[in-house]
Amino acid sequence: MSRKSKSSVDMQFVWGDTLIKTGVAVVWLVAAIGLYTPFTLREAMQQNMTGYIIMIAGLLLFAFGLWQWGRKVREQATIADR
């Protein structure tokens, strides 16, 4: 395994941490949208509001992807640090 410089490892760790926190922030955004809307997800399905459901699902999928990507980047930084 090749050795990385300390600044490179630190930057990779910060980048991973930033991605994780961004993913969590998007989940909080979806929660705030859910609390702000005057209808429930069940009512949205009954009224065939597919755009709303797709947007919420897309944001949650995006948040999960950011979180996973950040975990992988931060894990690589900690492996290189050993």
C-alpha atoms as a PDB file:
ATOM      1  CA  MET A   1       0.000   0.000   0.000  1.00  0.00           C
ATOM      2  CA  SER A   2       1.385   3.410  -0.895  1.00  0.00           C
ATOM      3  CA  ARG A   3       1.824   6.002   1.806  1.00  0.00           C
ATOM      4  CA  LYS A   4      -0.144   9.212   1.482  1.00  0.00           C
ATOM      5  CA  SER A   5       0.916  12.524   2.890  1.00  0.00           C
ATOM      6  CA  LYS A   6      -0.629  13.634   6.173  1.00  0.00           C
ATOM      7  CA  SER A   7      -2.358  16.597   4.525  1.00  0.00           C
ATOM      8  CA  SER A   8      -3.863  14.305   1.862  1.00  0.00           C
ATOM      9  CA  VAL A   9      -5.221  11.922   4.494  1.00  0.00           C
ATOM     10  CA  ASP A  10      -6.557  14.824   6.571  1.00  0.00           C
ATOM     11  CA  MET A  11      -8.276  16.328   3.535  1.00  0.00           C
ATOM     12  CA  GLN A  12      -9.791  12.974   2.615  1.00  0.00           C
ATOM     13  CA  PHE A  13     -11.119  12.579   6.168  1.00  0.00           C
ATOM     14  CA  VAL A  14     -12.611  16.088   6.115  1.00  0.00           C
ATOM     15  CA  TRP A  15     -14.191  15.447   2.693  1.00  0.00           C
ATOM     16  CA  GLY A  16     -15.756  12.201   3.944  1.00  0.00           C
ATOM     17  CA  ASP A  17     -17.021  13.883   7.085  1.00  0.00           C
ATOM     18  CA  THR A  18     -18.517  16.703   5.014  1.00  0.00           C
ATOM     19  CA  LEU A  19     -20.349  14.224   2.777  1.00  0.00           C
ATOM     20  CA  ILE A  20     -21.748  12.399   5.805  1.00  0.00           C
ATOM     21  CA  LYS A  21     -22.962  15.628   7.386  1.00  0.00           C
ATOM     22  CA  THR A  22     -24.489  16.779   4.094  1.00  0.00           C
ATOM     23  CA  GLY A  23     -26.400  13.492   3.820  1.00  0.00           C
ATOM     24  CA  VAL A  24     -27.732  13.928   7.352  1.00  0.00           C
ATOM     25  CA  ALA A  25     -28.694  17.544   6.588  1.00  0.00           C
ATOM     26  CA  VAL A  26     -30.697  16.400   3.547  1.00  0.00           C
ATOM     27  CA  VAL A  27     -32.563  13.894   5.755  1.00  0.00           C
ATOM     28  CA  TRP A  28     -33.385  16.754   8.134  1.00  0.00           C
ATOM     29  CA  LEU A  29     -34.563  18.789   5.132  1.00  0.00           C
ATOM     30  CA  VAL A  30     -36.913  15.987   4.094  1.00  0.00           C
ATOM     31  CA  ALA A  31     -38.187  15.768   7.680  1.00  0.00           C
ATOM     32  CA  ALA A  32     -38.856  19.523   7.715  1.00  0.00           C
ATOM     33  CA  ILE A  33     -40.668  19.299   4.376  1.00  0.00           C
ATOM     34  CA  GLY A  34     -42.732  16.420   5.775  1.00  0.00           C
ATOM     35  CA  LEU A  35     -43.664  18.444   8.848  1.00  0.00           C
ATOM     36  CA  TYR A  36     -44.458  21.568   6.828  1.00  0.00           C
ATOM     37  CA  THR A  37     -46.751  19.957   4.261  1.00  0.00           C
ATOM     38  CA  PRO A  38     -50.418  19.937   5.249  1.00  0.00           C
ATOM     39  CA  PHE A  39     -50.955  16.341   4.063  1.00  0.00           C
ATOM     40  CA  THR A  40     -49.549  12.945   4.876  1.00  0.00           C
ATOM     41  CA  LEU A  41     -47.785  10.516   2.573  1.00  0.00           C
ATOM     42  CA  ARG A  42     -50.896   8.313   2.560  1.00  0.00           C
ATOM     43  CA  GLU A  43     -53.040  11.253   1.397  1.00  0.00           C
ATOM     44  CA  ALA A  44     -50.462  12.047  -1.289  1.00  0.00           C
ATOM     45  CA  MET A  45     -50.700   8.468  -2.586  1.00  0.00           C
ATOM     46  CA  GLN A  46     -54.494   8.573  -2.517  1.00  0.00           C
ATOM     47  CA  GLN A  47     -54.512  11.823  -4.503  1.00  0.00           C
ATOM     48  CA  ASN A  48     -51.939  10.416  -6.951  1.00  0.00           C
ATOM     49  CA  MET A  49     -49.308  13.064  -6.194  1.00  0.00           C
ATOM     50  CA  THR A  50     -46.488  11.119  -7.787  1.00  0.00           C
ATOM     51  CA  GLY A  51     -44.255  14.177  -8.240  1.00  0.00           C
ATOM     52  CA  TYR A  52     -44.173  14.832  -4.505  1.00  0.00           C
ATOM     53  CA  ILE A  53     -43.540  11.180  -3.667  1.00  0.00           C
ATOM     54  CA  ILE A  54     -40.761  10.910  -6.267  1.00  0.00           C
ATOM     55  CA  MET A  55     -39.136  14.104  -4.962  1.00  0.00           C
ATOM     56  CA  ILE A  56     -39.152  12.864  -1.358  1.00  0.00           C
ATOM     57  CA  ALA A  57     -37.873   9.422  -2.367  1.00  0.00           C
ATOM     58  CA  GLY A  58     -35.184  10.984  -4.566  1.00  0.00           C
ATOM     59  CA  LEU A  59     -33.971  13.254  -1.789  1.00  0.00           C
ATOM     60  CA  LEU A  60     -33.822  10.344   0.644  1.00  0.00           C
ATOM     61  CA  LEU A  61     -31.920   8.225  -1.886  1.00  0.00           C
ATOM     62  CA  PHE A  62     -29.541  11.139  -2.527  1.00  0.00           C
ATOM     63  CA  ALA A  63     -28.982  11.566   1.232  1.00  0.00           C
ATOM     64  CA  PHE A  64     -28.295   7.859   1.663  1.00  0.00           C
ATOM     65  CA  GLY A  65     -25.839   7.929  -1.243  1.00  0.00           C
ATOM     66  CA  LEU A  66     -23.969  10.908   0.218  1.00  0.00           C
ATOM     67  CA  TRP A  67     -23.832   9.244   3.616  1.00  0.00           C
ATOM     68  CA  GLN A  68     -22.481   5.987   2.187  1.00  0.00           C
ATOM     69  CA  TRP A  69     -19.960   7.769  -0.030  1.00  0.00           C
ATOM     70  CA  GLY A  70     -18.749   9.835   2.923  1.00  0.00           C
ATOM     71  CA  ARG A  71     -18.353   6.740   5.079  1.00  0.00           C
ATOM     72  CA  LYS A  72     -16.280   5.049   2.372  1.00  0.00           C
ATOM     73  CA  VAL A  73     -14.050   8.111   1.849  1.00  0.00           C
ATOM     74  CA  ARG A  74     -13.504   8.542   5.591  1.00  0.00           C
ATOM     75  CA  GLU A  75     -12.796   4.828   5.987  1.00  0.00           C
ATOM     76  CA  GLN A  76     -10.141   5.028   3.271  1.00  0.00           C
ATOM     77  CA  ALA A  77      -8.570   7.977   5.081  1.00  0.00           C
ATOM     78  CA  THR A  78      -8.394   6.086   8.365  1.00  0.00           C
ATOM     79  CA  ILE A  79      -6.956   2.977   6.659  1.00  0.00           C
ATOM     80  CA  ALA A  80      -4.239   5.096   5.045  1.00  0.00           C
ATOM     81  CA  ASP A  81      -3.539   6.747   8.401  1.00  0.00           C
ATOM     82  CA  ARG A  82      -2.565   3.430  10.082  1.00  0.00           C
END
